[in-house]
Amino acid sequence: MSLQTSLYEKLGGKDSIGKVVERFYDKVLADSSVNYFFENTDMEKQRKHQTKFLSFALGGPGQYSGKSMAKVHEGMNLQPEHFDAIVLHLKEALQEFNVPEQDIETAVDHVNTLRDDILYK
């Protein structure tokens, strides 16, 4: 594997990332500390959108054309404990798909760059 291989490719591309996203939202929706944020959300649409976003964030092809993170989370007043719960569920979902720990940390590092755009909006 070359040094240029993206995390998107290492994880198996869009289909594999879609499976991780499915498992991630199973965990999120089972967690009463964060699931209420999704009460009025079309979860099929959310899963597709998140798969596109995560694919792009991990170096996949195409562009993410959704709203900015700050705009998407506006009015939610997400707190650090909410963000941390979401990151934990992502880590757990990646672990269930046997993603190497180093790659999980890289993915989490990508997500953590969005922290300031998401919290307290």
N, C-alpha and C. Protein backbone atom coordinates (compact mmCIF):
# COMPACT_ATOMS: atom_id res chain seq x y z
N MET A 1 0.85 -1.18 0.00
CA MET A 1 0.00 0.00 0.00
C MET A 1 0.89 1.24 0.00
N SER A 2 0.58 2.16 -0.87
CA SER A 2 1.41 3.37 -0.97
C SER A 2 1.07 4.35 0.14
N LEU A 3 1.96 5.29 0.34
CA LEU A 3 1.72 6.33 1.34
C LEU A 3 0.56 7.22 0.92
N GLN A 4 0.23 7.21 -0.38
CA GLN A 4 -0.83 8.07 -0.89
C GLN A 4 -2.22 7.45 -0.71
N THR A 5 -2.30 6.22 -0.23
CA THR A 5 -3.59 5.58 -0.03
C THR A 5 -4.36 6.33 1.04
N SER A 6 -5.54 6.76 0.69
CA SER A 6 -6.35 7.52 1.65
C SER A 6 -6.99 6.57 2.66
N LEU A 7 -7.40 7.13 3.76
CA LEU A 7 -8.11 6.35 4.76
C LEU A 7 -9.41 5.83 4.16
N TYR A 8 -10.02 6.60 3.29
CA TYR A 8 -11.22 6.17 2.56
C TYR A 8 -10.96 4.84 1.84
N GLU A 9 -9.85 4.76 1.13
CA GLU A 9 -9.51 3.54 0.40
C GLU A 9 -9.17 2.40 1.37
N LYS A 10 -8.42 2.71 2.42
CA LYS A 10 -8.04 1.69 3.39
C LYS A 10 -9.26 1.06 4.05
N LEU A 11 -10.30 1.87 4.26
CA LEU A 11 -11.51 1.36 4.92
C LEU A 11 -12.41 0.61 3.96
N GLY A 12 -12.11 0.66 2.67
CA GLY A 12 -12.89 -0.12 1.71
C GLY A 12 -13.85 0.68 0.86
N GLY A 13 -13.73 2.01 0.87
CA GLY A 13 -14.56 2.84 0.01
C GLY A 13 -15.95 3.09 0.56
N LYS A 14 -16.80 3.62 -0.32
CA LYS A 14 -18.12 4.09 0.08
C LYS A 14 -18.99 3.01 0.72
N ASP A 15 -18.99 1.81 0.15
CA ASP A 15 -19.85 0.75 0.70
C ASP A 15 -19.47 0.39 2.13
N SER A 16 -18.17 0.27 2.36
CA SER A 16 -17.71 -0.06 3.72
C SER A 16 -17.99 1.08 4.68
N ILE A 17 -17.76 2.29 4.24
CA ILE A 17 -18.03 3.45 5.10
C ILE A 17 -19.52 3.53 5.39
N GLY A 18 -20.34 3.21 4.40
CA GLY A 18 -21.79 3.18 4.62
C GLY A 18 -22.18 2.20 5.72
N LYS A 19 -21.53 1.05 5.76
CA LYS A 19 -21.81 0.05 6.81
C LYS A 19 -21.39 0.56 8.18
N VAL A 20 -20.25 1.24 8.23
CA VAL A 20 -19.79 1.83 9.49
C VAL A 20 -20.79 2.89 9.95
N VAL A 21 -21.27 3.72 9.00
CA VAL A 21 -22.24 4.76 9.34
C VAL A 21 -23.54 4.14 9.86
N GLU A 22 -23.99 3.05 9.25
CA GLU A 22 -25.19 2.35 9.74
C GLU A 22 -25.01 1.94 11.19
N ARG A 23 -23.88 1.30 11.49
CA ARG A 23 -23.60 0.84 12.86
C ARG A 23 -23.45 2.02 13.81
N PHE A 24 -22.79 3.07 13.35
CA PHE A 24 -22.62 4.29 14.14
C PHE A 24 -23.98 4.84 14.56
N TYR A 25 -24.92 4.97 13.62
CA TYR A 25 -26.22 5.52 13.98
C TYR A 25 -27.04 4.56 14.83
N ASP A 26 -26.84 3.25 14.68
CA ASP A 26 -27.49 2.31 15.60
C ASP A 26 -27.07 2.64 17.03
N LYS A 27 -25.79 2.90 17.22
CA LYS A 27 -25.25 3.22 18.54
C LYS A 27 -25.76 4.58 19.03
N VAL A 28 -25.74 5.57 18.15
CA VAL A 28 -26.19 6.92 18.51
C VAL A 28 -27.67 6.89 18.92
N LEU A 29 -28.49 6.21 18.13
CA LEU A 29 -29.93 6.19 18.41
C LEU A 29 -30.27 5.37 19.66
N ALA A 30 -29.36 4.51 20.10
CA ALA A 30 -29.57 3.74 21.32
C ALA A 30 -29.07 4.49 22.56
N ASP A 31 -28.44 5.64 22.36
CA ASP A 31 -27.83 6.41 23.45
C ASP A 31 -28.73 7.58 23.83
N SER A 32 -29.37 7.48 24.98
CA SER A 32 -30.32 8.52 25.40
C SER A 32 -29.66 9.87 25.68
N SER A 33 -28.33 9.90 25.77
CA SER A 33 -27.66 11.19 26.01
C SER A 33 -27.57 12.03 24.73
N VAL A 34 -27.77 11.41 23.57
CA VAL A 34 -27.67 12.15 22.30
C VAL A 34 -28.79 11.84 21.30
N ASN A 35 -29.55 10.77 21.50
CA ASN A 35 -30.51 10.36 20.46
C ASN A 35 -31.63 11.38 20.24
N TYR A 36 -31.93 12.19 21.23
CA TYR A 36 -33.01 13.16 21.07
C TYR A 36 -32.68 14.23 20.03
N PHE A 37 -31.40 14.40 19.71
CA PHE A 37 -31.03 15.35 18.66
C PHE A 37 -31.54 14.89 17.29
N PHE A 38 -31.90 13.62 17.18
CA PHE A 38 -32.31 13.04 15.90
C PHE A 38 -33.80 12.70 15.86
N GLU A 39 -34.56 13.17 16.84
CA GLU A 39 -35.99 12.83 16.92
C GLU A 39 -36.76 13.19 15.66
N ASN A 40 -36.47 14.33 15.07
CA ASN A 40 -37.20 14.78 13.89
C ASN A 40 -36.36 14.71 12.63
N THR A 41 -35.47 13.73 12.58
CA THR A 41 -34.54 13.59 11.47
C THR A 41 -34.94 12.41 10.60
N ASP A 42 -34.93 12.61 9.30
CA ASP A 42 -35.11 11.52 8.33
C ASP A 42 -33.80 10.73 8.35
N MET A 43 -33.80 9.60 9.05
CA MET A 43 -32.55 8.88 9.29
C MET A 43 -32.00 8.23 8.02
N GLU A 44 -32.85 7.86 7.09
CA GLU A 44 -32.34 7.31 5.83
C GLU A 44 -31.53 8.38 5.09
N LYS A 45 -32.10 9.58 5.03
CA LYS A 45 -31.40 10.71 4.41
C LYS A 45 -30.13 11.05 5.19
N GLN A 46 -30.24 11.05 6.52
CA GLN A 46 -29.09 11.37 7.38
C GLN A 46 -27.95 10.38 7.16
N ARG A 47 -28.28 9.10 7.09
CA ARG A 47 -27.25 8.08 6.89
C ARG A 47 -26.54 8.28 5.54
N LYS A 48 -27.31 8.55 4.50
CA LYS A 48 -26.71 8.78 3.18
C LYS A 48 -25.81 10.01 3.20
N HIS A 49 -26.32 11.07 3.81
CA HIS A 49 -25.56 12.32 3.89
C HIS A 49 -24.27 12.11 4.69
N GLN A 50 -24.37 11.41 5.81
CA GLN A 50 -23.20 11.18 6.66
C GLN A 50 -22.18 10.31 5.94
N THR A 51 -22.65 9.35 5.16
CA THR A 51 -21.73 8.50 4.40
C THR A 51 -20.95 9.35 3.39
N LYS A 52 -21.64 10.27 2.71
CA LYS A 52 -20.96 11.17 1.77
C LYS A 52 -19.97 12.06 2.50
N PHE A 53 -20.40 12.62 3.62
CA PHE A 53 -19.52 13.52 4.38
C PHE A 53 -18.29 12.77 4.88
N LEU A 54 -18.50 11.61 5.51
CA LEU A 54 -17.38 10.86 6.07
C LEU A 54 -16.45 10.38 4.96
N SER A 55 -17.00 9.97 3.84
CA SER A 55 -16.17 9.55 2.71
C SER A 55 -15.27 10.69 2.27
N PHE A 56 -15.85 11.86 2.11
CA PHE A 56 -15.07 13.04 1.71
C PHE A 56 -14.02 13.38 2.77
N ALA A 57 -14.42 13.38 4.04
CA ALA A 57 -13.51 13.74 5.13
C ALA A 57 -12.33 12.78 5.24
N LEU A 58 -12.52 11.54 4.81
CA LEU A 58 -11.46 10.54 4.90
C LEU A 58 -10.67 10.41 3.61
N GLY A 59 -10.84 11.38 2.71
CA GLY A 59 -10.01 11.40 1.51
C GLY A 59 -10.63 10.75 0.29
N GLY A 60 -11.92 10.48 0.33
CA GLY A 60 -12.58 9.87 -0.81
C GLY A 60 -12.79 10.85 -1.95
N PRO A 61 -13.26 10.32 -3.08
CA PRO A 61 -13.47 11.16 -4.25
C PRO A 61 -14.68 12.08 -4.07
N GLY A 62 -14.75 13.09 -4.90
CA GLY A 62 -15.91 13.98 -4.88
C GLY A 62 -15.75 15.09 -3.87
N GLN A 63 -16.73 15.91 -3.84
CA GLN A 63 -16.75 17.06 -2.94
C GLN A 63 -17.92 16.94 -1.99
N TYR A 64 -17.75 17.43 -0.80
CA TYR A 64 -18.86 17.54 0.14
C TYR A 64 -19.55 18.86 -0.17
N SER A 65 -20.83 18.78 -0.52
CA SER A 65 -21.53 20.00 -0.93
C SER A 65 -22.63 20.39 0.06
N GLY A 66 -22.58 19.81 1.24
CA GLY A 66 -23.58 20.15 2.24
C GLY A 66 -23.29 21.48 2.90
N LYS A 67 -24.16 21.84 3.82
CA LYS A 67 -23.99 23.08 4.57
C LYS A 67 -22.77 22.98 5.48
N SER A 68 -22.29 24.13 5.92
CA SER A 68 -21.15 24.14 6.84
C SER A 68 -21.55 23.46 8.15
N MET A 69 -20.55 22.96 8.86
CA MET A 69 -20.81 22.31 10.14
C MET A 69 -21.49 23.27 11.12
N ALA A 70 -21.06 24.52 11.13
CA ALA A 70 -21.66 25.50 12.03
C ALA A 70 -23.14 25.69 11.68
N LYS A 71 -23.46 25.76 10.41
CA LYS A 71 -24.84 25.98 9.97
C LYS A 71 -25.72 24.77 10.29
N VAL A 72 -25.21 23.59 10.01
CA VAL A 72 -25.97 22.36 10.25
C VAL A 72 -26.33 22.20 11.74
N HIS A 73 -25.43 22.61 12.62
CA HIS A 73 -25.62 22.40 14.06
C HIS A 73 -26.17 23.63 14.77
N GLU A 74 -26.51 24.65 14.01
CA GLU A 74 -27.05 25.89 14.56
C GLU A 74 -28.32 25.61 15.36
N GLY A 75 -28.38 26.19 16.55
CA GLY A 75 -29.56 26.04 17.40
C GLY A 75 -29.60 24.77 18.23
N MET A 76 -28.62 23.89 18.03
CA MET A 76 -28.61 22.62 18.77
C MET A 76 -27.93 22.76 20.13
N ASN A 77 -27.07 23.76 20.27
CA ASN A 77 -26.33 23.98 21.51
C ASN A 77 -25.63 22.71 22.00
N LEU A 78 -24.94 22.06 21.10
CA LEU A 78 -24.20 20.86 21.46
C LEU A 78 -23.08 21.20 22.43
N GLN A 79 -22.94 20.37 23.43
CA GLN A 79 -21.94 20.54 24.48
C GLN A 79 -20.83 19.51 24.29
N PRO A 80 -19.69 19.73 24.95
CA PRO A 80 -18.58 18.78 24.80
C PRO A 80 -18.97 17.33 25.08
N GLU A 81 -19.83 17.09 26.06
CA GLU A 81 -20.20 15.70 26.36
C GLU A 81 -20.99 15.06 25.21
N HIS A 82 -21.75 15.86 24.47
CA HIS A 82 -22.48 15.33 23.31
C HIS A 82 -21.49 14.98 22.19
N PHE A 83 -20.58 15.88 21.92
CA PHE A 83 -19.56 15.66 20.89
C PHE A 83 -18.74 14.41 21.23
N ASP A 84 -18.33 14.31 22.49
CA ASP A 84 -17.51 13.18 22.92
C ASP A 84 -18.26 11.86 22.79
N ALA A 85 -19.56 11.85 23.07
CA ALA A 85 -20.37 10.64 22.93
C ALA A 85 -20.43 10.22 21.46
N ILE A 86 -20.60 11.18 20.57
CA ILE A 86 -20.66 10.89 19.14
C ILE A 86 -19.32 10.32 18.67
N VAL A 87 -18.22 10.92 19.10
CA VAL A 87 -16.89 10.42 18.72
C VAL A 87 -16.69 9.00 19.25
N LEU A 88 -17.12 8.74 20.47
CA LEU A 88 -16.99 7.40 21.04
C LEU A 88 -17.76 6.38 20.20
N HIS A 89 -18.98 6.73 19.78
CA HIS A 89 -19.77 5.81 18.96
C HIS A 89 -19.10 5.56 17.61
N LEU A 90 -18.48 6.58 17.05
CA LEU A 90 -17.75 6.39 15.80
C LEU A 90 -16.57 5.44 16.01
N LYS A 91 -15.83 5.66 17.08
CA LYS A 91 -14.69 4.78 17.38
C LYS A 91 -15.15 3.34 17.55
N GLU A 92 -16.22 3.14 18.30
CA GLU A 92 -16.73 1.79 18.54
C GLU A 92 -17.19 1.13 17.25
N ALA A 93 -17.86 1.90 16.39
CA ALA A 93 -18.33 1.35 15.12
C ALA A 93 -17.13 0.93 14.26
N LEU A 94 -16.10 1.77 14.21
CA LEU A 94 -14.91 1.42 13.44
C LEU A 94 -14.22 0.19 14.02
N GLN A 95 -14.18 0.08 15.34
CA GLN A 95 -13.57 -1.08 15.99
C GLN A 95 -14.32 -2.36 15.63
N GLU A 96 -15.65 -2.27 15.56
CA GLU A 96 -16.45 -3.46 15.23
C GLU A 96 -16.18 -3.95 13.81
N PHE A 97 -15.69 -3.07 12.96
CA PHE A 97 -15.32 -3.46 11.60
C PHE A 97 -13.83 -3.73 11.47
N ASN A 98 -13.19 -3.94 12.63
CA ASN A 98 -11.77 -4.33 12.69
C ASN A 98 -10.83 -3.34 12.00
N VAL A 99 -11.16 -2.06 12.09
CA VAL A 99 -10.27 -1.03 11.58
C VAL A 99 -9.10 -0.91 12.55
N PRO A 100 -7.88 -0.89 12.04
CA PRO A 100 -6.71 -0.77 12.93
C PRO A 100 -6.79 0.50 13.79
N GLU A 101 -6.33 0.39 15.01
CA GLU A 101 -6.40 1.49 15.97
C GLU A 101 -5.77 2.78 15.44
N GLN A 102 -4.66 2.66 14.74
CA GLN A 102 -4.00 3.84 14.18
C GLN A 102 -4.93 4.56 13.18
N ASP A 103 -5.66 3.79 12.39
CA ASP A 103 -6.58 4.39 11.42
C ASP A 103 -7.80 4.99 12.12
N ILE A 104 -8.23 4.36 13.20
CA ILE A 104 -9.33 4.92 13.99
C ILE A 104 -8.91 6.28 14.55
N GLU A 105 -7.69 6.35 15.07
CA GLU A 105 -7.21 7.62 15.63
C GLU A 105 -7.11 8.69 14.54
N THR A 106 -6.70 8.30 13.34
CA THR A 106 -6.65 9.26 12.24
C THR A 106 -8.04 9.77 11.91
N ALA A 107 -9.02 8.87 11.86
CA ALA A 107 -10.41 9.27 11.58
C ALA A 107 -10.93 10.21 12.67
N VAL A 108 -10.65 9.87 13.92
CA VAL A 108 -11.10 10.70 15.04
C VAL A 108 -10.42 12.07 15.00
N ASP A 109 -9.16 12.09 14.63
CA ASP A 109 -8.46 13.37 14.49
C ASP A 109 -9.15 14.26 13.46
N HIS A 110 -9.59 13.65 12.35
CA HIS A 110 -10.34 14.40 11.33
C HIS A 110 -11.61 14.99 11.93
N VAL A 111 -12.34 14.16 12.65
CA VAL A 111 -13.61 14.60 13.25
C VAL A 111 -13.35 15.70 14.28
N ASN A 112 -12.31 15.55 15.07
CA ASN A 112 -12.01 16.54 16.11
C ASN A 112 -11.68 17.92 15.55
N THR A 113 -11.24 17.99 14.29
CA THR A 113 -10.97 19.31 13.70
C THR A 113 -12.27 20.11 13.53
N LEU A 114 -13.40 19.43 13.61
CA LEU A 114 -14.71 20.09 13.44
C LEU A 114 -15.32 20.55 14.76
N ARG A 115 -14.69 20.20 15.85
CA ARG A 115 -15.23 20.45 17.19
C ARG A 115 -15.69 21.90 17.38
N ASP A 116 -14.83 22.86 17.07
CA ASP A 116 -15.16 24.27 17.28
C ASP A 116 -16.29 24.75 16.37
N ASP A 117 -16.47 24.10 15.22
CA ASP A 117 -17.55 24.47 14.31
C ASP A 117 -18.90 23.90 14.75
N ILE A 118 -18.88 22.93 15.66
CA ILE A 118 -20.10 22.22 16.04
C ILE A 118 -20.60 22.63 17.43
N LEU A 119 -19.69 22.84 18.38
CA LEU A 119 -20.10 23.09 19.76
C LEU A 119 -20.68 24.49 19.96
N TYR A 120 -21.64 24.54 20.88
CA TYR A 120 -22.23 25.80 21.39
C TYR A 120 -22.94 26.64 20.33
N LYS A 121 -23.40 26.03 19.26
CA LYS A 121 -24.07 26.79 18.18
C LYS A 121 -25.55 26.93 18.47
